[in-house]
Amino acid sequence: MKRFILFYFLIISISINSQTISGVVVSDESARLPKTLIVNMASDQKVYSNELGEFSISAKNGDELRFVRENYEREKVIVNNDYYLTIRLTKIPEEIEEVKIINKRLAESQEEKLRTDIGLPKGPEKPREKPADAVDDIVKPLIRIPPMVNFQAIYDVLSGKSRRLRRLYKYEDLQEGLAWIQNNIDLEYFAEAGISPEKFNDFLMFSLKDEKVLMYMKAKNIGGLTVSLDNHIGAYLEKIGKK
């Protein structure tokens, strides 16, 4: 009988401390937001809002819930006797005019297609010397009427200067992007998922093989970047033998 009573009170205690939190995620304009990542930072449970923006997740008082969705500011809530939540996410301003298709070649490029698909603005152009292109700067001028010879472009391509400039710019952009991520990403979130701050750069390099991660980094979209990086946590932990 005593064991039964003890068991009964244990069940009651668990049910009081743990509860199911339901709610809906909406935008500033009250539009429902599907595919929002919701994370219980205490238990590491993760769920996504459905097509109506609704979600349910287990939590107890004092747990921190985080809400992350691409193109929106991250939000967090501390559970306090709440059973239903309405979470409003603020959209990150985008320079819509910068995603216009400039020409046919750009429209057909893989980078522009991906940028359009995920709704990212094109990054600002930097004042850099343009590396000569063998087709655009040498071949095409030669087939014009009258033909033109671009001796500087020929020298840049044959000497390897163009190739070196492209490598240099790619390296500079990567370092700038990594520094921005380190200053803006929530390292605690990834540490609690099993990726220590010492391993975070290695994790980033692993995740940057995904073009979406690279595009979110270039666009400085922290919400989309967090969601995309979250998708690679399991594979990375498995790679380094932690899972």
C-alpha atoms as a PDB file:
ATOM      1  CA  MET A   1       0.000   0.000   0.000  1.00  0.00           C
ATOM      2  CA  LYS A   2       2.837   2.407   0.893  1.00  0.00           C
ATOM      3  CA  ARG A   3       4.535   1.627  -2.416  1.00  0.00           C
ATOM      4  CA  PHE A   4       1.318   2.370  -4.262  1.00  0.00           C
ATOM      5  CA  ILE A   5       0.923   5.726  -2.480  1.00  0.00           C
ATOM      6  CA  LEU A   6       4.564   6.624  -3.177  1.00  0.00           C
ATOM      7  CA  PHE A   7       4.143   5.718  -6.837  1.00  0.00           C
ATOM      8  CA  TYR A   8       0.925   7.738  -7.033  1.00  0.00           C
ATOM      9  CA  PHE A   9       2.540  10.884  -5.634  1.00  0.00           C
ATOM     10  CA  LEU A  10       5.532  10.387  -7.941  1.00  0.00           C
ATOM     11  CA  ILE A  11       3.224  10.374 -10.983  1.00  0.00           C
ATOM     12  CA  ILE A  12       1.402  13.451  -9.686  1.00  0.00           C
ATOM     13  CA  SER A  13       4.737  15.240  -9.178  1.00  0.00           C
ATOM     14  CA  ILE A  14       5.886  14.466 -12.700  1.00  0.00           C
ATOM     15  CA  SER A  15       2.610  15.617 -14.217  1.00  0.00           C
ATOM     16  CA  ILE A  16       2.801  18.906 -12.311  1.00  0.00           C
ATOM     17  CA  ASN A  17       6.401  19.621 -13.246  1.00  0.00           C
ATOM     18  CA  SER A  18       6.078  18.546 -16.888  1.00  0.00           C
ATOM     19  CA  GLN A  19       3.358  19.842 -19.156  1.00  0.00           C
ATOM     20  CA  THR A  20       2.562  20.171 -22.830  1.00  0.00           C
ATOM     21  CA  ILE A  21       2.861  23.711 -24.130  1.00  0.00           C
ATOM     22  CA  SER A  22       0.816  24.449 -27.224  1.00  0.00           C
ATOM     23  CA  GLY A  23       0.578  27.592 -29.257  1.00  0.00           C
ATOM     24  CA  VAL A  24       0.861  29.326 -32.589  1.00  0.00           C
ATOM     25  CA  VAL A  25       3.653  31.256 -34.300  1.00  0.00           C
ATOM     26  CA  VAL A  26       2.628  34.357 -36.251  1.00  0.00           C
ATOM     27  CA  SER A  27       4.246  37.302 -37.986  1.00  0.00           C
ATOM     28  CA  ASP A  28       3.851  40.978 -37.117  1.00  0.00           C
ATOM     29  CA  GLU A  29       0.924  41.038 -39.546  1.00  0.00           C
ATOM     30  CA  SER A  30      -0.648  38.050 -37.718  1.00  0.00           C
ATOM     31  CA  ALA A  31       0.058  35.678 -40.620  1.00  0.00           C
ATOM     32  CA  ARG A  32       0.641  32.140 -39.364  1.00  0.00           C
ATOM     33  CA  LEU A  33       4.197  30.888 -39.808  1.00  0.00           C
ATOM     34  CA  PRO A  34       4.786  27.196 -40.619  1.00  0.00           C
ATOM     35  CA  LYS A  35       8.157  25.414 -40.414  1.00  0.00           C
ATOM     36  CA  THR A  36       9.297  27.420 -37.383  1.00  0.00           C
ATOM     37  CA  LEU A  37      11.869  25.571 -35.270  1.00  0.00           C
ATOM     38  CA  ILE A  38      10.952  25.402 -31.565  1.00  0.00           C
ATOM     39  CA  VAL A  39      13.627  24.199 -29.143  1.00  0.00           C
ATOM     40  CA  ASN A  40      13.311  23.434 -25.429  1.00  0.00           C
ATOM     41  CA  MET A  41      16.793  24.457 -24.263  1.00  0.00           C
ATOM     42  CA  ALA A  42      16.462  22.403 -21.047  1.00  0.00           C
ATOM     43  CA  SER A  43      15.536  19.067 -22.643  1.00  0.00           C
ATOM     44  CA  ASP A  44      16.887  19.716 -26.174  1.00  0.00           C
ATOM     45  CA  GLN A  45      13.527  18.634 -27.592  1.00  0.00           C
ATOM     46  CA  LYS A  46      12.895  20.119 -31.036  1.00  0.00           C
ATOM     47  CA  VAL A  47       9.660  20.452 -32.973  1.00  0.00           C
ATOM     48  CA  TYR A  48       8.472  22.429 -35.989  1.00  0.00           C
ATOM     49  CA  SER A  49       5.235  24.372 -36.312  1.00  0.00           C
ATOM     50  CA  ASN A  50       2.754  22.822 -38.748  1.00  0.00           C
ATOM     51  CA  GLU A  51       1.254  24.383 -41.873  1.00  0.00           C
ATOM     52  CA  LEU A  52      -1.053  26.477 -39.667  1.00  0.00           C
ATOM     53  CA  GLY A  53       1.814  27.717 -37.490  1.00  0.00           C
ATOM     54  CA  GLU A  54       0.659  25.560 -34.557  1.00  0.00           C
ATOM     55  CA  PHE A  55       2.995  23.586 -32.285  1.00  0.00           C
ATOM     56  CA  SER A  56       3.091  21.451 -29.140  1.00  0.00           C
ATOM     57  CA  ILE A  57       6.155  20.736 -27.011  1.00  0.00           C
ATOM     58  CA  SER A  58       6.818  19.290 -23.563  1.00  0.00           C
ATOM     59  CA  ALA A  59       8.167  21.723 -20.972  1.00  0.00           C
ATOM     60  CA  LYS A  60       8.072  22.643 -17.321  1.00  0.00           C
ATOM     61  CA  ASN A  61       8.140  25.940 -15.475  1.00  0.00           C
ATOM     62  CA  GLY A  62      11.444  27.704 -15.917  1.00  0.00           C
ATOM     63  CA  ASP A  63      12.298  26.008 -19.228  1.00  0.00           C
ATOM     64  CA  GLU A  64      13.426  28.286 -22.030  1.00  0.00           C
ATOM     65  CA  LEU A  65      11.787  27.848 -25.430  1.00  0.00           C
ATOM     66  CA  ARG A  66      13.438  29.322 -28.493  1.00  0.00           C
ATOM     67  CA  PHE A  67      11.724  30.043 -31.794  1.00  0.00           C
ATOM     68  CA  VAL A  68      13.777  30.268 -34.974  1.00  0.00           C
ATOM     69  CA  ARG A  69      12.617  30.758 -38.546  1.00  0.00           C
ATOM     70  CA  GLU A  70      14.497  31.872 -41.629  1.00  0.00           C
ATOM     71  CA  ASN A  71      14.122  35.558 -42.494  1.00  0.00           C
ATOM     72  CA  TYR A  72      12.779  36.344 -38.972  1.00  0.00           C
ATOM     73  CA  GLU A  73      14.334  37.520 -35.717  1.00  0.00           C
ATOM     74  CA  ARG A  74      14.826  34.795 -33.098  1.00  0.00           C
ATOM     75  CA  GLU A  75      12.451  34.823 -30.108  1.00  0.00           C
ATOM     76  CA  LYS A  76      12.631  33.147 -26.688  1.00  0.00           C
ATOM     77  CA  VAL A  77      10.111  32.520 -23.909  1.00  0.00           C
ATOM     78  CA  ILE A  78      10.489  31.291 -20.315  1.00  0.00           C
ATOM     79  CA  VAL A  79       7.669  28.898 -19.400  1.00  0.00           C
ATOM     80  CA  ASN A  80       5.688  30.126 -16.398  1.00  0.00           C
ATOM     81  CA  ASN A  81       2.394  28.269 -15.904  1.00  0.00           C
ATOM     82  CA  ASP A  82       1.687  28.830 -19.584  1.00  0.00           C
ATOM     83  CA  TYR A  83      -0.304  26.258 -21.524  1.00  0.00           C
ATOM     84  CA  TYR A  84      -0.932  28.211 -24.725  1.00  0.00           C
ATOM     85  CA  LEU A  85       1.425  30.714 -26.311  1.00  0.00           C
ATOM     86  CA  THR A  86       1.099  33.142 -29.178  1.00  0.00           C
ATOM     87  CA  ILE A  87       4.571  33.915 -30.471  1.00  0.00           C
ATOM     88  CA  ARG A  88       5.114  36.879 -32.770  1.00  0.00           C
ATOM     89  CA  LEU A  89       8.259  36.901 -34.886  1.00  0.00           C
ATOM     90  CA  THR A  90       9.626  40.069 -36.426  1.00  0.00           C
ATOM     91  CA  LYS A  91      10.638  39.845 -40.063  1.00  0.00           C
ATOM     92  CA  ILE A  92      14.226  40.810 -40.895  1.00  0.00           C
ATOM     93  CA  PRO A  93      14.189  43.753 -43.337  1.00  0.00           C
ATOM     94  CA  GLU A  94      15.270  42.797 -46.846  1.00  0.00           C
ATOM     95  CA  GLU A  95      16.352  44.932 -49.750  1.00  0.00           C
ATOM     96  CA  ILE A  96      13.824  43.495 -52.174  1.00  0.00           C
ATOM     97  CA  GLU A  97      15.101  45.479 -55.122  1.00  0.00           C
ATOM     98  CA  GLU A  98      18.423  43.694 -54.948  1.00  0.00           C
ATOM     99  CA  VAL A  99      16.983  40.286 -55.834  1.00  0.00           C
ATOM    100  CA  LYS A 100      15.862  41.420 -59.302  1.00  0.00           C
ATOM    101  CA  ILE A 101      17.141  39.245 -62.138  1.00  0.00           C
ATOM    102  CA  ILE A 102      19.661  41.348 -64.012  1.00  0.00           C
ATOM    103  CA  ASN A 103      20.236  39.208 -67.104  1.00  0.00           C
ATOM    104  CA  LYS A 104      19.674  35.752 -68.529  1.00  0.00           C
ATOM    105  CA  ARG A 105      23.065  34.417 -67.527  1.00  0.00           C
ATOM    106  CA  LEU A 106      22.588  35.490 -63.895  1.00  0.00           C
ATOM    107  CA  ALA A 107      19.077  33.974 -63.857  1.00  0.00           C
ATOM    108  CA  GLU A 108      20.454  30.627 -64.999  1.00  0.00           C
ATOM    109  CA  SER A 109      23.264  30.548 -62.455  1.00  0.00           C
ATOM    110  CA  GLN A 110      22.899  28.157 -59.557  1.00  0.00           C
ATOM    111  CA  GLU A 111      23.632  30.817 -56.947  1.00  0.00           C
ATOM    112  CA  GLU A 112      20.919  33.179 -58.187  1.00  0.00           C
ATOM    113  CA  LYS A 113      18.378  30.346 -58.370  1.00  0.00           C
ATOM    114  CA  LEU A 114      19.121  29.337 -54.786  1.00  0.00           C
ATOM    115  CA  ARG A 115      18.970  32.944 -53.606  1.00  0.00           C
ATOM    116  CA  THR A 116      15.566  33.374 -55.247  1.00  0.00           C
ATOM    117  CA  ASP A 117      14.252  30.064 -53.883  1.00  0.00           C
ATOM    118  CA  ILE A 118      15.006  30.931 -50.268  1.00  0.00           C
ATOM    119  CA  GLY A 119      14.195  34.636 -50.554  1.00  0.00           C
ATOM    120  CA  LEU A 120      17.579  36.190 -49.802  1.00  0.00           C
ATOM    121  CA  PRO A 121      18.741  39.621 -50.943  1.00  0.00           C
ATOM    122  CA  LYS A 122      21.914  39.805 -52.972  1.00  0.00           C
ATOM    123  CA  GLY A 123      24.911  41.002 -50.956  1.00  0.00           C
ATOM    124  CA  PRO A 124      26.371  44.436 -51.705  1.00  0.00           C
ATOM    125  CA  GLU A 125      29.120  44.563 -54.301  1.00  0.00           C
ATOM    126  CA  LYS A 126      32.613  45.315 -52.994  1.00  0.00           C
ATOM    127  CA  PRO A 127      34.991  47.738 -54.723  1.00  0.00           C
ATOM    128  CA  ARG A 128      37.299  45.042 -56.069  1.00  0.00           C
ATOM    129  CA  GLU A 129      39.271  44.577 -59.245  1.00  0.00           C
ATOM    130  CA  LYS A 130      37.257  42.295 -61.528  1.00  0.00           C
ATOM    131  CA  PRO A 131      39.209  39.132 -62.453  1.00  0.00           C
ATOM    132  CA  ALA A 132      39.419  38.742 -66.217  1.00  0.00           C
ATOM    133  CA  ASP A 133      37.215  36.028 -67.684  1.00  0.00           C
ATOM    134  CA  ALA A 134      38.444  34.023 -70.684  1.00  0.00           C
ATOM    135  CA  VAL A 135      35.023  33.946 -72.361  1.00  0.00           C
ATOM    136  CA  ASP A 136      33.612  37.378 -71.478  1.00  0.00           C
ATOM    137  CA  ASP A 137      36.809  39.415 -71.773  1.00  0.00           C
ATOM    138  CA  ILE A 138      38.749  37.571 -74.495  1.00  0.00           C
ATOM    139  CA  VAL A 139      36.576  35.356 -76.711  1.00  0.00           C
ATOM    140  CA  LYS A 140      33.437  37.537 -76.953  1.00  0.00           C
ATOM    141  CA  PRO A 141      35.327  40.750 -77.870  1.00  0.00           C
ATOM    142  CA  LEU A 142      37.121  38.794 -80.635  1.00  0.00           C
ATOM    143  CA  ILE A 143      33.877  37.726 -82.331  1.00  0.00           C
ATOM    144  CA  ARG A 144      32.437  41.231 -82.385  1.00  0.00           C
ATOM    145  CA  ILE A 145      32.305  43.327 -85.505  1.00  0.00           C
ATOM    146  CA  PRO A 146      34.794  44.872 -85.536  1.00  0.00           C
ATOM    147  CA  PRO A 147      36.799  42.430 -83.349  1.00  0.00           C
ATOM    148  CA  MET A 148      38.607  43.754 -80.298  1.00  0.00           C
ATOM    149  CA  VAL A 149      41.678  42.392 -78.524  1.00  0.00           C
ATOM    150  CA  ASN A 150      41.881  42.862 -74.760  1.00  0.00           C
ATOM    151  CA  PHE A 151      45.605  42.411 -74.112  1.00  0.00           C
ATOM    152  CA  GLN A 152      45.284  43.030 -70.368  1.00  0.00           C
ATOM    153  CA  ALA A 153      42.641  40.300 -70.027  1.00  0.00           C
ATOM    154  CA  ILE A 154      44.795  37.873 -72.028  1.00  0.00           C
ATOM    155  CA  TYR A 155      47.758  38.580 -69.750  1.00  0.00           C
ATOM    156  CA  ASP A 156      45.673  38.236 -66.559  1.00  0.00           C
ATOM    157  CA  VAL A 157      44.258  34.868 -67.654  1.00  0.00           C
ATOM    158  CA  LEU A 158      47.536  33.405 -68.956  1.00  0.00           C
ATOM    159  CA  SER A 159      49.616  34.654 -65.994  1.00  0.00           C
ATOM    160  CA  GLY A 160      47.191  33.217 -63.455  1.00  0.00           C
ATOM    161  CA  LYS A 161      46.339  36.631 -61.978  1.00  0.00           C
ATOM    162  CA  SER A 162      42.599  36.114 -62.508  1.00  0.00           C
ATOM    163  CA  ARG A 163      42.689  32.751 -60.750  1.00  0.00           C
ATOM    164  CA  ARG A 164      44.657  34.200 -57.825  1.00  0.00           C
ATOM    165  CA  LEU A 165      42.201  37.097 -57.456  1.00  0.00           C
ATOM    166  CA  ARG A 166      39.210  34.735 -57.368  1.00  0.00           C
ATOM    167  CA  ARG A 167      40.883  32.601 -54.698  1.00  0.00           C
ATOM    168  CA  LEU A 168      41.800  35.702 -52.670  1.00  0.00           C
ATOM    169  CA  TYR A 169      38.265  37.109 -52.801  1.00  0.00           C
ATOM    170  CA  LYS A 170      36.752  33.748 -51.894  1.00  0.00           C
ATOM    171  CA  TYR A 171      39.092  33.475 -48.890  1.00  0.00           C
ATOM    172  CA  GLU A 172      38.370  37.052 -47.747  1.00  0.00           C
ATOM    173  CA  ASP A 173      34.605  36.537 -48.033  1.00  0.00           C
ATOM    174  CA  LEU A 174      34.812  33.284 -46.075  1.00  0.00           C
ATOM    175  CA  GLN A 175      36.834  34.858 -43.256  1.00  0.00           C
ATOM    176  CA  GLU A 176      34.459  37.820 -43.096  1.00  0.00           C
ATOM    177  CA  GLY A 177      31.461  35.482 -42.980  1.00  0.00           C
ATOM    178  CA  LEU A 178      32.974  33.289 -40.261  1.00  0.00           C
ATOM    179  CA  ALA A 179      33.763  36.348 -38.144  1.00  0.00           C
ATOM    180  CA  TRP A 180      30.185  37.609 -38.541  1.00  0.00           C
ATOM    181  CA  ILE A 181      28.779  34.231 -37.491  1.00  0.00           C
ATOM    182  CA  GLN A 182      31.015  34.098 -34.413  1.00  0.00           C
ATOM    183  CA  ASN A 183      29.762  37.557 -33.365  1.00  0.00           C
ATOM    184  CA  ASN A 184      26.073  36.893 -33.971  1.00  0.00           C
ATOM    185  CA  ILE A 185      25.296  33.179 -33.540  1.00  0.00           C
ATOM    186  CA  ASP A 186      24.187  31.704 -30.226  1.00  0.00           C
ATOM    187  CA  LEU A 187      27.163  29.496 -29.358  1.00  0.00           C
ATOM    188  CA  GLU A 188      25.423  28.318 -26.177  1.00  0.00           C
ATOM    189  CA  TYR A 189      22.682  26.711 -28.258  1.00  0.00           C
ATOM    190  CA  PHE A 190      25.198  24.616 -30.215  1.00  0.00           C
ATOM    191  CA  ALA A 191      27.251  23.877 -27.081  1.00  0.00           C
ATOM    192  CA  GLU A 192      24.166  22.383 -25.434  1.00  0.00           C
ATOM    193  CA  ALA A 193      23.623  20.311 -28.585  1.00  0.00           C
ATOM    194  CA  GLY A 194      27.112  18.797 -28.165  1.00  0.00           C
ATOM    195  CA  ILE A 195      29.293  21.147 -30.224  1.00  0.00           C
ATOM    196  CA  SER A 196      31.756  22.966 -27.978  1.00  0.00           C
ATOM    197  CA  PRO A 197      32.995  26.482 -28.877  1.00  0.00           C
ATOM    198  CA  GLU A 198      36.373  24.932 -29.748  1.00  0.00           C
ATOM    199  CA  LYS A 199      34.678  22.685 -32.311  1.00  0.00           C
ATOM    200  CA  PHE A 200      32.321  25.318 -33.704  1.00  0.00           C
ATOM    201  CA  ASN A 201      34.593  26.533 -36.522  1.00  0.00           C
ATOM    202  CA  ASP A 202      35.138  22.943 -37.617  1.00  0.00           C
ATOM    203  CA  PHE A 203      31.367  22.436 -37.533  1.00  0.00           C
ATOM    204  CA  LEU A 204      30.908  25.560 -39.662  1.00  0.00           C
ATOM    205  CA  MET A 205      33.355  24.330 -42.291  1.00  0.00           C
ATOM    206  CA  PHE A 206      31.517  20.994 -42.316  1.00  0.00           C
ATOM    207  CA  SER A 207      28.147  22.732 -42.739  1.00  0.00           C
ATOM    208  CA  LEU A 208      29.309  25.194 -45.396  1.00  0.00           C
ATOM    209  CA  LYS A 209      29.297  22.341 -47.914  1.00  0.00           C
ATOM    210  CA  ASP A 210      25.556  23.004 -47.933  1.00  0.00           C
ATOM    211  CA  GLU A 211      24.880  25.857 -50.377  1.00  0.00           C
ATOM    212  CA  LYS A 212      21.966  27.129 -48.291  1.00  0.00           C
ATOM    213  CA  VAL A 213      24.253  27.617 -45.271  1.00  0.00           C
ATOM    214  CA  LEU A 214      26.704  29.508 -47.473  1.00  0.00           C
ATOM    215  CA  MET A 215      23.960  31.705 -48.906  1.00  0.00           C
ATOM    216  CA  TYR A 216      22.508  32.547 -45.494  1.00  0.00           C
ATOM    217  CA  MET A 217      26.002  33.485 -44.307  1.00  0.00           C
ATOM    218  CA  LYS A 218      26.544  35.780 -47.309  1.00  0.00           C
ATOM    219  CA  ALA A 219      23.131  37.393 -46.773  1.00  0.00           C
ATOM    220  CA  LYS A 220      23.778  37.759 -43.008  1.00  0.00           C
ATOM    221  CA  ASN A 221      20.438  36.102 -42.243  1.00  0.00           C
ATOM    222  CA  ILE A 222      20.856  34.776 -38.696  1.00  0.00           C
ATOM    223  CA  GLY A 223      17.447  33.103 -38.476  1.00  0.00           C
ATOM    224  CA  GLY A 224      17.829  31.099 -41.671  1.00  0.00           C
ATOM    225  CA  LEU A 225      21.452  30.303 -40.818  1.00  0.00           C
ATOM    226  CA  THR A 226      20.530  28.891 -37.396  1.00  0.00           C
ATOM    227  CA  VAL A 227      17.834  26.664 -38.874  1.00  0.00           C
ATOM    228  CA  SER A 228      20.158  25.424 -41.627  1.00  0.00           C
ATOM    229  CA  LEU A 229      23.027  24.761 -39.205  1.00  0.00           C
ATOM    230  CA  ASP A 230      20.658  22.883 -36.891  1.00  0.00           C
ATOM    231  CA  ASN A 231      19.993  20.431 -39.727  1.00  0.00           C
ATOM    232  CA  HIS A 232      23.690  19.477 -39.776  1.00  0.00           C
ATOM    233  CA  ILE A 233      24.257  18.926 -36.043  1.00  0.00           C
ATOM    234  CA  GLY A 234      23.409  15.219 -36.094  1.00  0.00           C
ATOM    235  CA  ALA A 235      25.612  14.445 -39.112  1.00  0.00           C
ATOM    236  CA  TYR A 236      28.539  16.379 -37.627  1.00  0.00           C
ATOM    237  CA  LEU A 237      28.320  14.689 -34.229  1.00  0.00           C
ATOM    238  CA  GLU A 238      28.183  11.336 -35.969  1.00  0.00           C
ATOM    239  CA  LYS A 239      31.251  12.301 -38.021  1.00  0.00           C
ATOM    240  CA  ILE A 240      33.365  13.140 -34.984  1.00  0.00           C
ATOM    241  CA  GLY A 241      32.180  10.044 -33.115  1.00  0.00           C
ATOM    242  CA  LYS A 242      30.001  11.672 -30.449  1.00  0.00           C
ATOM    243  CA  LYS A 243      26.836   9.973 -31.533  1.00  0.00           C
END
